[in-house]
Protein backbone atom coordinates (compact mmCIF):
# COMPACT_ATOMS: atom_id res chain seq x y z
CA UNK A 1 0.17 -0.58 0.24
CA UNK A 2 1.33 3.70 -0.87
CA UNK A 3 1.67 6.61 1.38
CA UNK A 4 -1.10 7.88 -0.76
CA UNK A 5 -3.57 5.67 -0.18
CA UNK A 6 -2.78 5.76 3.48
CA UNK A 7 -3.69 9.41 3.84
CA UNK A 8 -7.45 10.10 3.37
CA UNK A 9 -8.46 11.38 -0.26
CA UNK A 10 -10.30 14.03 1.37
CA UNK A 11 -7.18 15.69 3.14
CA UNK A 12 -6.20 15.64 -0.76
CA UNK A 13 -9.19 17.84 -2.00
CA UNK A 14 -8.85 19.74 0.81
CA UNK A 15 -5.25 21.21 0.07
CA UNK A 16 -6.21 21.41 -3.50
CA UNK A 17 -9.46 23.40 -2.76
CA UNK A 18 -7.28 25.50 -0.26
CA UNK A 19 -4.83 25.91 -3.07
CA UNK A 20 -7.00 26.88 -6.00
CA UNK A 21 -8.73 29.35 -3.91
CA UNK A 22 -5.50 30.91 -3.07
CA UNK A 23 -4.93 30.87 -7.09
CA UNK A 24 -8.18 32.52 -7.87
CA UNK A 25 -7.58 35.07 -5.33
CA UNK A 26 -4.23 36.08 -6.40
CA UNK A 27 -5.73 36.50 -10.06
CA UNK A 28 -8.63 38.58 -9.14
CA UNK A 29 -7.06 40.80 -6.39
CA UNK A 30 -3.68 41.42 -7.75
CA UNK A 31 -2.55 43.85 -10.18
CA UNK A 32 0.90 42.92 -10.87
CA UNK A 33 1.39 40.52 -14.20
CA UNK A 34 3.79 38.48 -12.51
CA UNK A 35 1.82 37.35 -9.06
CA UNK A 36 -0.91 36.82 -11.69
CA UNK A 37 0.78 33.99 -14.04
CA UNK A 38 2.03 32.72 -10.98
CA UNK A 39 -1.18 32.63 -9.56
CA UNK A 40 -2.50 30.47 -12.64
CA UNK A 41 0.29 28.01 -12.48
CA UNK A 42 -0.89 27.78 -8.73
CA UNK A 43 -4.44 26.76 -10.09
CA UNK A 44 -3.19 24.61 -12.57
CA UNK A 45 -1.08 22.77 -9.78
CA UNK A 46 -3.82 22.43 -7.44
CA UNK A 47 -5.86 20.63 -10.26
CA UNK A 48 -2.63 18.39 -10.82
CA UNK A 49 -2.58 17.58 -7.25
CA UNK A 50 -6.29 15.87 -7.39
CA UNK A 51 -5.61 14.26 -11.07
CA UNK A 52 -2.96 12.08 -9.52
CA UNK A 53 -4.30 11.87 -6.26
CA UNK A 54 -7.80 10.31 -7.67
CA UNK A 55 -5.74 8.43 -10.44
CA UNK A 56 -3.20 6.89 -7.22
CA UNK A 57 -6.28 6.14 -5.35
CA UNK A 58 -8.55 4.31 -8.59
CA UNK A 59 -5.08 2.64 -9.59
CA UNK A 60 -5.46 4.23 -13.18
CA UNK A 61 -3.06 6.01 -14.66
CA UNK A 62 -5.05 8.26 -16.99
CA UNK A 63 -4.52 11.08 -14.53
CA UNK A 64 -0.94 10.84 -14.34
CA UNK A 65 -0.78 11.33 -18.48
CA UNK A 66 -3.08 14.16 -18.21
CA UNK A 67 -0.73 15.86 -15.35
CA UNK A 68 1.95 15.30 -18.07
CA UNK A 69 -0.31 17.42 -20.54
CA UNK A 70 -1.18 19.56 -18.41
CA UNK A 71 2.36 20.59 -17.23
CA UNK A 72 3.62 21.03 -20.71
CA UNK A 73 0.90 23.35 -21.72
CA UNK A 74 1.88 25.38 -18.57
CA UNK A 75 4.85 25.79 -19.55
CA UNK A 76 3.87 26.91 -22.98
CA UNK A 77 1.91 29.43 -21.05
CA UNK A 78 4.34 30.66 -19.43
CA UNK A 79 7.35 30.65 -22.09
CA UNK A 80 4.52 33.11 -24.39
CA UNK A 81 3.48 35.01 -21.00
CA UNK A 82 6.79 36.14 -20.27
CA UNK A 83 7.82 36.91 -23.78
CA UNK A 84 4.65 39.11 -23.93
CA UNK A 85 5.09 40.37 -20.48
CA UNK A 86 9.02 41.60 -21.36
CA UNK A 87 7.02 43.35 -24.74
CA UNK A 88 4.88 45.00 -22.44
CA UNK A 89 7.45 45.85 -19.64
CA UNK A 90 9.81 47.57 -22.60
CA UNK A 91 7.15 50.10 -23.13
CA UNK A 92 5.73 50.92 -20.14
CA UNK A 93 8.38 50.25 -17.58
CA UNK A 94 6.08 48.41 -15.29
CA UNK A 95 4.47 45.16 -14.88
CA UNK A 96 0.95 46.70 -13.77
CA UNK A 97 -1.77 45.26 -15.81
CA UNK A 98 -3.87 48.80 -15.80
CA UNK A 99 -0.68 50.28 -17.37
CA UNK A 100 -2.29 47.97 -20.85
CA UNK A 101 -4.40 50.59 -22.01
CA UNK A 102 -1.37 53.07 -22.41
CA UNK A 103 -1.14 50.20 -25.40
CA UNK A 104 -4.45 50.70 -27.08
CA UNK A 105 -3.29 53.68 -29.00
């Protein structure tokens, strides 16, 4: 019996819900684009935690395969997002998302 099956599944659900909630609050209430990217990554990792926990709990590897693809998409999202953020920072000298109104023209 693995260690993940000894810990009740409810604890994983609770931890994932807390992490996801912190991520949502970070996206909604923070103005810094880097913090927003980190909050989105936190939400993705909360979902990954649930997928791995349920995958192990049900002895099915499909959840772990989904985690692999989610992490690949998250890496691409970070690469594109940081490239966009760098170009915005060059123009506005700020990572504040409300400064993006200056780019309208």
